[in-house]
Protein backbone atom coordinates (compact mmCIF):
# COMPACT_ATOMS: atom_id res chain seq x y z
CA UNK A 1 37.52 4.96 3.04
CA UNK A 2 36.75 7.28 0.09
CA UNK A 3 33.19 8.13 -0.76
CA UNK A 4 32.78 9.63 -4.13
CA UNK A 5 29.03 10.14 -4.94
CA UNK A 6 28.73 13.73 -5.87
CA UNK A 7 24.86 13.49 -6.20
CA UNK A 8 24.56 12.11 -2.69
CA UNK A 9 27.05 13.43 0.04
CA UNK A 10 25.84 11.04 2.58
CA UNK A 11 27.14 7.37 2.59
CA UNK A 12 23.88 5.65 3.42
CA UNK A 13 25.60 2.23 4.10
CA UNK A 14 28.03 3.89 6.71
CA UNK A 15 25.00 5.75 8.22
CA UNK A 16 23.17 2.39 8.66
CA UNK A 17 26.29 1.00 10.52
CA UNK A 18 26.36 4.03 12.73
CA UNK A 19 22.62 3.55 13.46
CA UNK A 20 23.11 0.09 14.31
CA UNK A 21 25.86 0.78 16.71
CA UNK A 22 23.84 3.38 18.74
CA UNK A 23 20.76 1.21 18.65
CA UNK A 24 22.86 -1.45 20.67
CA UNK A 25 24.06 1.12 23.36
CA UNK A 26 20.76 3.00 23.48
CA UNK A 27 19.11 0.82 26.14
CA UNK A 28 21.76 2.02 28.64
CA UNK A 29 20.28 5.56 28.33
CA UNK A 30 16.72 4.72 28.23
CA UNK A 31 16.05 6.79 31.40
CA UNK A 32 17.08 10.00 29.77
CA UNK A 33 14.83 9.49 26.64
CA UNK A 34 11.79 11.46 25.96
CA UNK A 35 8.79 10.51 23.70
CA UNK A 36 10.72 11.48 20.64
CA UNK A 37 12.86 8.61 19.38
CA UNK A 38 14.46 10.41 16.27
CA UNK A 39 14.90 8.94 12.80
CA UNK A 40 15.79 5.54 11.94
CA UNK A 41 18.12 5.68 8.98
CA UNK A 42 17.08 2.33 7.71
CA UNK A 43 13.58 3.51 7.13
CA UNK A 44 15.05 6.28 4.90
CA UNK A 45 17.22 3.67 3.04
CA UNK A 46 14.46 1.03 2.74
CA UNK A 47 11.82 3.81 2.05
CA UNK A 48 9.24 2.35 4.26
CA UNK A 49 6.42 4.95 5.52
CA UNK A 50 6.42 5.14 9.39
CA UNK A 51 2.63 4.46 9.71
CA UNK A 52 2.96 1.51 7.40
CA UNK A 53 5.82 0.05 9.52
CA UNK A 54 3.97 0.53 12.89
CA UNK A 55 0.93 -1.38 11.57
CA UNK A 56 3.10 -4.28 10.30
CA UNK A 57 4.96 -4.39 13.62
CA UNK A 58 1.74 -4.58 15.43
CA UNK A 59 0.71 -7.59 13.40
CA UNK A 60 3.95 -9.33 13.91
CA UNK A 61 3.64 -8.63 17.73
CA UNK A 62 0.31 -10.25 17.65
CA UNK A 63 1.60 -13.36 15.84
CA UNK A 64 4.52 -13.48 18.24
CA UNK A 65 6.82 -13.14 15.51
CA UNK A 66 8.29 -9.68 16.19
CA UNK A 67 11.84 -10.95 15.95
CA UNK A 68 11.20 -11.06 12.17
CA UNK A 69 10.69 -7.39 11.81
CA UNK A 70 14.02 -6.79 10.13
CA UNK A 71 13.23 -9.51 7.59
CA UNK A 72 9.99 -7.71 6.90
CA UNK A 73 11.54 -4.52 6.34
CA UNK A 74 13.97 -6.10 3.94
CA UNK A 75 11.22 -7.76 2.03
CA UNK A 76 9.01 -4.56 1.40
CA UNK A 77 11.58 -2.90 -0.97
CA UNK A 78 12.00 -6.17 -2.76
CA UNK A 79 8.42 -6.46 -3.38
CA UNK A 80 8.29 -2.84 -4.52
CA UNK A 81 10.90 -3.57 -7.00
CA UNK A 82 8.98 -6.67 -8.27
CA UNK A 83 5.90 -4.80 -8.97
CA UNK A 84 7.39 -1.85 -10.85
CA UNK A 85 8.13 0.48 -7.96
CA UNK A 86 4.56 1.35 -7.05
CA UNK A 87 4.50 4.37 -4.64
CA UNK A 88 3.96 3.31 -0.97
CA UNK A 89 0.70 5.29 -0.37
CA UNK A 90 -2.90 4.16 0.49
CA UNK A 91 -3.90 1.66 -0.64
CA UNK A 92 -0.73 0.38 -2.28
CA UNK A 93 1.31 0.50 0.84
CA UNK A 94 -1.11 -1.69 2.80
CA UNK A 95 -1.27 -4.19 -0.15
CA UNK A 96 2.44 -4.48 -0.34
CA UNK A 97 2.89 -4.58 3.30
CA UNK A 98 0.34 -7.49 3.63
CA UNK A 99 2.13 -9.37 0.95
CA UNK A 100 5.47 -8.90 2.55
CA UNK A 101 4.09 -10.28 5.82
CA UNK A 102 2.59 -13.28 3.88
CA UNK A 103 6.24 -13.86 2.39
CA UNK A 104 7.79 -13.75 5.80
CA UNK A 105 5.19 -15.96 7.61
CA UNK A 106 5.27 -18.57 4.68
CA UNK A 107 9.02 -18.60 4.52
CA UNK A 108 8.76 -18.41 0.86
CA UNK A 109 8.10 -15.58 -1.62
CA UNK A 110 4.62 -15.22 -3.25
CA UNK A 111 3.78 -18.89 -2.00
CA UNK A 112 0.32 -17.25 -1.07
CA UNK A 113 -0.86 -14.20 -2.96
CA UNK A 114 -3.49 -11.86 -1.41
CA UNK A 115 -6.43 -10.91 -3.68
CA UNK A 116 -5.52 -7.26 -3.35
CA UNK A 117 -2.03 -7.98 -4.47
CA UNK A 118 -3.15 -9.82 -7.60
CA UNK A 119 -5.28 -6.91 -8.39
CA UNK A 120 -2.49 -4.55 -7.95
CA UNK A 121 -0.33 -6.56 -10.25
CA UNK A 122 -3.07 -6.60 -12.70
CA UNK A 123 -3.45 -2.86 -12.76
CA UNK A 124 -6.81 -2.71 -11.06
CA UNK A 125 -5.51 0.09 -8.84
CA UNK A 126 -3.99 2.15 -11.65
CA UNK A 127 -1.12 2.00 -14.09
CA UNK A 128 2.11 0.68 -12.68
CA UNK A 129 4.91 2.98 -13.26
CA UNK A 130 7.69 0.46 -13.90
CA UNK A 131 8.15 -3.06 -15.26
CA UNK A 132 6.63 -5.99 -13.22
CA UNK A 133 8.85 -8.96 -12.68
CA UNK A 134 8.22 -11.78 -15.31
CA UNK A 135 8.41 -14.46 -12.70
CA UNK A 136 5.81 -12.64 -10.56
CA UNK A 137 3.51 -12.09 -13.41
CA UNK A 138 3.48 -15.80 -14.18
CA UNK A 139 2.47 -16.63 -10.64
CA UNK A 140 -0.20 -13.93 -10.65
CA UNK A 141 -1.63 -15.35 -13.82
CA UNK A 142 -1.98 -18.78 -12.20
CA UNK A 143 -3.92 -17.12 -9.35
CA UNK A 144 -6.16 -15.01 -11.62
CA UNK A 145 -9.20 -16.26 -13.34
CA UNK A 146 -10.24 -15.05 -16.80
CA UNK A 147 -12.94 -12.95 -15.18
CA UNK A 148 -10.36 -11.26 -12.77
CA UNK A 149 -8.07 -9.89 -15.52
CA UNK A 150 -9.70 -6.96 -17.08
CA UNK A 151 -8.54 -4.20 -19.35
CA UNK A 152 -7.39 -1.04 -17.81
CA UNK A 153 -10.17 1.66 -18.28
CA UNK A 154 -9.37 5.42 -18.61
CA UNK A 155 -10.93 7.87 -16.11
CA UNK A 156 -13.46 9.03 -18.78
CA UNK A 157 -14.62 5.42 -19.21
CA UNK A 158 -15.25 5.00 -15.67
CA UNK A 159 -16.82 8.41 -15.49
CA UNK A 160 -19.26 7.37 -18.34
CA UNK A 161 -20.09 3.96 -16.65
CA UNK A 162 -20.71 5.60 -13.22
CA UNK A 163 -22.91 8.33 -14.88
CA UNK A 164 -24.96 5.49 -16.67
CA UNK A 165 -25.36 3.61 -13.42
CA UNK A 166 -26.64 6.75 -11.50
CA UNK A 167 -29.16 7.45 -14.44
CA UNK A 168 -30.42 3.80 -14.59
CA UNK A 169 -30.93 3.97 -10.85
CA UNK A 170 -32.56 7.35 -10.54
CA UNK A 171 -29.64 8.86 -8.58
CA UNK A 172 -28.20 12.19 -9.18
CA UNK A 173 -24.90 12.19 -11.18
CA UNK A 174 -22.43 11.33 -8.61
CA UNK A 175 -19.70 10.91 -11.34
CA UNK A 176 -19.25 14.65 -11.46
CA UNK A 177 -17.60 14.86 -8.02
CA UNK A 178 -14.09 13.70 -8.06
CA UNK A 179 -14.13 11.86 -4.57
CA UNK A 180 -17.35 9.90 -5.44
CA UNK A 181 -15.83 8.99 -8.79
CA UNK A 182 -12.68 7.82 -6.92
CA UNK A 183 -14.86 5.69 -4.70
CA UNK A 184 -16.40 4.02 -7.72
CA UNK A 185 -13.12 3.41 -9.61
CA UNK A 186 -11.44 1.81 -6.61
CA UNK A 187 -14.19 -0.03 -4.99
CA UNK A 188 -16.89 -0.53 -7.75
CA UNK A 189 -19.22 -3.15 -6.28
CA UNK A 190 -19.08 -1.50 -2.71
CA UNK A 191 -19.65 1.96 -4.18
CA UNK A 192 -22.68 0.78 -6.23
CA UNK A 193 -24.38 -0.63 -3.07
CA UNK A 194 -23.57 2.42 -1.03
CA UNK A 195 -24.95 4.99 -3.61
CA UNK A 196 -28.13 2.80 -4.08
CA UNK A 197 -28.79 3.45 -0.51
CA UNK A 198 -27.83 7.18 -0.73
CA UNK A 199 -31.12 8.84 -1.52
CA UNK A 200 -31.69 10.06 1.93
CA UNK A 201 -28.17 9.80 3.29
CA UNK A 202 -26.42 12.48 5.44
CA UNK A 203 -23.05 13.97 4.84
CA UNK A 204 -21.60 11.99 7.80
CA UNK A 205 -22.50 8.75 5.88
CA UNK A 206 -20.41 9.95 2.94
CA UNK A 207 -17.37 10.81 5.32
CA UNK A 208 -17.81 7.35 6.92
CA UNK A 209 -17.65 5.72 3.44
CA UNK A 210 -14.36 7.78 2.73
CA UNK A 211 -12.83 6.88 5.95
CA UNK A 212 -13.82 3.09 5.58
CA UNK A 213 -12.12 3.20 2.31
CA UNK A 214 -8.93 4.93 3.59
CA UNK A 215 -9.74 7.93 1.71
CA UNK A 216 -10.38 11.57 3.11
CA UNK A 217 -12.43 14.53 2.05
CA UNK A 218 -12.04 18.03 3.08
């Protein structure tokens, strides 16, 4: 067999077959294995982050559907393609993963749409880099009320809105700090409630908010 891709010297399909072969014989040598399990070539091929996969595998195990893990892994890149190849980072990775889990459990693609997935498609988590599947858009529109679909705002518009909120509530202007502004953009209602109670807050409360949102400050 001749493999002639000059841009990528590795035949990913062949590497997947090799990986599958050694996965089958691996249990025979379990007593010689340490804690390091190496790299699963399928994860490189599917481009699924390790942390995302471990969380989803745990959920499948809790549902006693761990035998469907391979289906879940295959579904994730399909969804990512449908939503314009959004990067699988927090929070989009959790959103795509949850929707993939719903698709597998339902046995039908997009039979049930999570609210966060609808918001992702509607651009509420930022501009989507690629083109969203037209069939998916139609399903999302049916699951979105008129109030749910809003125009995408620029960062400066969010900053002005947040600054006005702080002024109206006699708070210091938190919009000047990037991490606080990001809180407001991603979780507007929750952030408003938090900052209203922040007059006498300590720094650990701010860190707690960041960690609760899946964000981190240094």
